[in-house]
C-alpha atoms as a PDB file:
ATOM      1  CA  UNK A   1     105.847 123.474 109.233  1.00  0.00           C
ATOM      2  CA  UNK A   2     102.797 121.290 109.071  1.00  0.00           C
ATOM      3  CA  UNK A   3      99.603 123.026 110.425  1.00  0.00           C
ATOM      4  CA  UNK A   4      97.502 121.248 112.974  1.00  0.00           C
ATOM      5  CA  UNK A   5      94.102 121.637 112.165  1.00  0.00           C
ATOM      6  CA  UNK A   6      92.594 119.330 114.959  1.00  0.00           C
ATOM      7  CA  UNK A   7      92.520 121.998 117.605  1.00  0.00           C
ATOM      8  CA  UNK A   8      89.961 123.785 115.271  1.00  0.00           C
ATOM      9  CA  UNK A   9      87.801 120.571 114.559  1.00  0.00           C
ATOM     10  CA  UNK A  10      85.497 121.328 117.405  1.00  0.00           C
ATOM     11  CA  UNK A  11      85.110 124.953 116.273  1.00  0.00           C
ATOM     12  CA  UNK A  12      84.356 123.884 112.833  1.00  0.00           C
ATOM     13  CA  UNK A  13      81.790 121.233 114.089  1.00  0.00           C
ATOM     14  CA  UNK A  14      83.925 118.306 112.108  1.00  0.00           C
ATOM     15  CA  UNK A  15      82.415 115.683 114.313  1.00  0.00           C
ATOM     16  CA  UNK A  16      78.601 116.851 113.320  1.00  0.00           C
ATOM     17  CA  UNK A  17      79.598 117.041 109.736  1.00  0.00           C
ATOM     18  CA  UNK A  18      81.308 113.805 109.677  1.00  0.00           C
ATOM     19  CA  UNK A  19      78.279 112.194 111.562  1.00  0.00           C
ATOM     20  CA  UNK A  20      76.122 113.661 108.505  1.00  0.00           C
ATOM     21  CA  UNK A  21      78.359 112.321 105.834  1.00  0.00           C
ATOM     22  CA  UNK A  22      78.360 108.881 107.661  1.00  0.00           C
ATOM     23  CA  UNK A  23      74.408 108.895 107.507  1.00  0.00           C
ATOM     24  CA  UNK A  24      74.697 108.833 103.734  1.00  0.00           C
ATOM     25  CA  UNK A  25      77.062 105.790 103.488  1.00  0.00           C
ATOM     26  CA  UNK A  26      75.960 102.586 101.894  1.00  0.00           C
ATOM     27  CA  UNK A  27      77.513 100.132 104.168  1.00  0.00           C
ATOM     28  CA  UNK A  28      78.822  99.854 107.632  1.00  0.00           C
ATOM     29  CA  UNK A  29      82.336 100.070 106.684  1.00  0.00           C
ATOM     30  CA  UNK A  30      81.816 103.301 104.527  1.00  0.00           C
ATOM     31  CA  UNK A  31      79.891 104.731 107.737  1.00  0.00           C
ATOM     32  CA  UNK A  32      83.047 103.822 109.980  1.00  0.00           C
ATOM     33  CA  UNK A  33      85.399 105.110 107.282  1.00  0.00           C
ATOM     34  CA  UNK A  34      83.372 108.471 107.134  1.00  0.00           C
ATOM     35  CA  UNK A  35      83.817 108.903 110.925  1.00  0.00           C
ATOM     36  CA  UNK A  36      87.463 108.233 110.894  1.00  0.00           C
ATOM     37  CA  UNK A  37      88.014 111.052 108.395  1.00  0.00           C
ATOM     38  CA  UNK A  38      90.861 113.393 109.594  1.00  0.00           C
ATOM     39  CA  UNK A  39      91.510 116.917 107.678  1.00  0.00           C
ATOM     40  CA  UNK A  40      94.482 116.757 105.468  1.00  0.00           C
ATOM     41  CA  UNK A  41      96.952 119.383 105.319  1.00  0.00           C
ATOM     42  CA  UNK A  42      99.315 118.466 102.648  1.00  0.00           C
ATOM     43  CA  UNK A  43      98.167 120.795  99.739  1.00  0.00           C
ATOM     44  CA  UNK A  44      99.020 118.016  97.273  1.00  0.00           C
ATOM     45  CA  UNK A  45      96.852 115.695  98.671  1.00  0.00           C
ATOM     46  CA  UNK A  46      94.029 118.094  98.955  1.00  0.00           C
ATOM     47  CA  UNK A  47      94.322 119.245  95.347  1.00  0.00           C
ATOM     48  CA  UNK A  48      94.269 115.676  94.533  1.00  0.00           C
ATOM     49  CA  UNK A  49      91.234 114.809  96.661  1.00  0.00           C
ATOM     50  CA  UNK A  50      89.306 117.759  95.592  1.00  0.00           C
ATOM     51  CA  UNK A  51      89.969 116.799  91.766  1.00  0.00           C
ATOM     52  CA  UNK A  52      88.630 113.205  92.437  1.00  0.00           C
ATOM     53  CA  UNK A  53      85.643 114.742  94.230  1.00  0.00           C
ATOM     54  CA  UNK A  54      84.832 116.860  91.220  1.00  0.00           C
ATOM     55  CA  UNK A  55      85.360 114.078  88.890  1.00  0.00           C
ATOM     56  CA  UNK A  56      82.797 112.043  90.874  1.00  0.00           C
ATOM     57  CA  UNK A  57      80.401 114.815  91.151  1.00  0.00           C
ATOM     58  CA  UNK A  58      80.496 115.601  87.315  1.00  0.00           C
ATOM     59  CA  UNK A  59      79.658 111.907  86.653  1.00  0.00           C
ATOM     60  CA  UNK A  60      76.926 111.750  89.196  1.00  0.00           C
ATOM     61  CA  UNK A  61      75.289 114.888  88.176  1.00  0.00           C
ATOM     62  CA  UNK A  62      75.140 113.736  84.615  1.00  0.00           C
ATOM     63  CA  UNK A  63      74.408 109.948  84.975  1.00  0.00           C
ATOM     64  CA  UNK A  64      72.774 109.833  88.416  1.00  0.00           C
ATOM     65  CA  UNK A  65      74.671 107.665  91.213  1.00  0.00           C
ATOM     66  CA  UNK A  66      75.042 104.007  90.784  1.00  0.00           C
ATOM     67  CA  UNK A  67      73.598 101.819  93.520  1.00  0.00           C
ATOM     68  CA  UNK A  68      75.492 100.528  96.364  1.00  0.00           C
ATOM     69  CA  UNK A  69      72.746  98.844  98.019  1.00  0.00           C
ATOM     70  CA  UNK A  70      73.669  95.248  99.126  1.00  0.00           C
ATOM     71  CA  UNK A  71      77.280  96.076  99.777  1.00  0.00           C
ATOM     72  CA  UNK A  72      78.640  94.325 102.658  1.00  0.00           C
ATOM     73  CA  UNK A  73      81.909  93.331 103.962  1.00  0.00           C
ATOM     74  CA  UNK A  74      82.747  89.918 102.980  1.00  0.00           C
ATOM     75  CA  UNK A  75      86.644  89.639 104.048  1.00  0.00           C
ATOM     76  CA  UNK A  76      85.915  87.021 106.817  1.00  0.00           C
ATOM     77  CA  UNK A  77      83.970  84.453 104.397  1.00  0.00           C
ATOM     78  CA  UNK A  78      86.456  85.102 101.536  1.00  0.00           C
ATOM     79  CA  UNK A  79      89.420  84.522 103.839  1.00  0.00           C
ATOM     80  CA  UNK A  80      87.884  81.218 105.149  1.00  0.00           C
ATOM     81  CA  UNK A  81      87.047  80.119 101.479  1.00  0.00           C
ATOM     82  CA  UNK A  82      90.934  80.744 100.754  1.00  0.00           C
ATOM     83  CA  UNK A  83      91.616  78.245 103.403  1.00  0.00           C
ATOM     84  CA  UNK A  84      89.341  75.829 102.415  1.00  0.00           C
ATOM     85  CA  UNK A  85      86.400  76.307 104.423  1.00  0.00           C
ATOM     86  CA  UNK A  86      82.785  75.741 103.496  1.00  0.00           C
ATOM     87  CA  UNK A  87      80.786  78.574 103.324  1.00  0.00           C
ATOM     88  CA  UNK A  88      77.111  79.200 104.666  1.00  0.00           C
ATOM     89  CA  UNK A  89      74.281  79.838 102.315  1.00  0.00           C
ATOM     90  CA  UNK A  90      74.015  83.093 103.900  1.00  0.00           C
ATOM     91  CA  UNK A  91      77.591  83.986 103.184  1.00  0.00           C
ATOM     92  CA  UNK A  92      77.203  82.834  99.612  1.00  0.00           C
ATOM     93  CA  UNK A  93      74.302  85.025  99.141  1.00  0.00           C
ATOM     94  CA  UNK A  94      76.421  87.977 100.661  1.00  0.00           C
ATOM     95  CA  UNK A  95      79.109  87.238  98.214  1.00  0.00           C
ATOM     96  CA  UNK A  96      76.613  87.286  95.482  1.00  0.00           C
ATOM     97  CA  UNK A  97      75.165  90.656  96.550  1.00  0.00           C
ATOM     98  CA  UNK A  98      78.663  92.130  96.452  1.00  0.00           C
ATOM     99  CA  UNK A  99      79.340  90.760  93.090  1.00  0.00           C
ATOM    100  CA  UNK A 100      76.021  91.950  91.804  1.00  0.00           C
ATOM    101  CA  UNK A 101      76.949  95.609  92.976  1.00  0.00           C
ATOM    102  CA  UNK A 102      80.377  95.313  91.428  1.00  0.00           C
ATOM    103  CA  UNK A 103      78.879  94.295  88.277  1.00  0.00           C
ATOM    104  CA  UNK A 104      76.409  97.227  88.250  1.00  0.00           C
ATOM    105  CA  UNK A 105      78.843  99.842  89.109  1.00  0.00           C
ATOM    106  CA  UNK A 106      81.145  98.750  86.282  1.00  0.00           C
ATOM    107  CA  UNK A 107      78.153  98.677  83.922  1.00  0.00           C
ATOM    108  CA  UNK A 108      77.232 102.146  85.141  1.00  0.00           C
ATOM    109  CA  UNK A 109      80.653 103.489  84.428  1.00  0.00           C
ATOM    110  CA  UNK A 110      80.990 101.648  81.000  1.00  0.00           C
ATOM    111  CA  UNK A 111      77.607 103.512  80.175  1.00  0.00           C
ATOM    112  CA  UNK A 112      78.840 106.901  81.165  1.00  0.00           C
ATOM    113  CA  UNK A 113      82.453 106.331  79.584  1.00  0.00           C
ATOM    114  CA  UNK A 114      81.529 108.072  76.633  1.00  0.00           C
ATOM    115  CA  UNK A 115      81.771 111.120  78.812  1.00  0.00           C
ATOM    116  CA  UNK A 116      85.399 111.093  78.998  1.00  0.00           C
ATOM    117  CA  UNK A 117      88.318 109.510  80.982  1.00  0.00           C
ATOM    118  CA  UNK A 118      88.616 110.742  84.639  1.00  0.00           C
ATOM    119  CA  UNK A 119      90.950 110.705  87.503  1.00  0.00           C
ATOM    120  CA  UNK A 120      88.929 108.145  89.084  1.00  0.00           C
ATOM    121  CA  UNK A 121      88.830 105.543  86.543  1.00  0.00           C
ATOM    122  CA  UNK A 122      91.428 103.695  88.283  1.00  0.00           C
ATOM    123  CA  UNK A 123      88.814 102.939  91.032  1.00  0.00           C
ATOM    124  CA  UNK A 124      86.306 101.560  88.403  1.00  0.00           C
ATOM    125  CA  UNK A 125      89.181  99.618  86.502  1.00  0.00           C
ATOM    126  CA  UNK A 126      89.848  97.878  89.909  1.00  0.00           C
ATOM    127  CA  UNK A 127      86.660  96.210  89.769  1.00  0.00           C
ATOM    128  CA  UNK A 128      86.283  93.023  88.346  1.00  0.00           C
ATOM    129  CA  UNK A 129      82.819  91.758  87.462  1.00  0.00           C
ATOM    130  CA  UNK A 130      82.187  88.146  87.469  1.00  0.00           C
END
């Protein structure tokens, strides 16, 4: 039987906690995703998420946090470019900014890779710098 924690969310002040978390986010998309978090009741998912959180915490505590400043959602201009549309200079600058963030995050992880492999490396490996 699945346990429904949603009825306890108000008592646990979940909306206030999520608002505080969202305030730490570097982009509008991350902000919205933080506000949309719902409690998980599958113990295996919870254990995996806690393990990934611990791995991220250990990396950040030893090597500081990589900068995500300049990250924006570029899905619309990329979709239009894939259809053959001409992008504006502003859209190109946003894409360049995202590519710079991706490159810097990969460099950050490569510099900290002497630490050890982690269970969040798949996230870093999915980033392809230009």
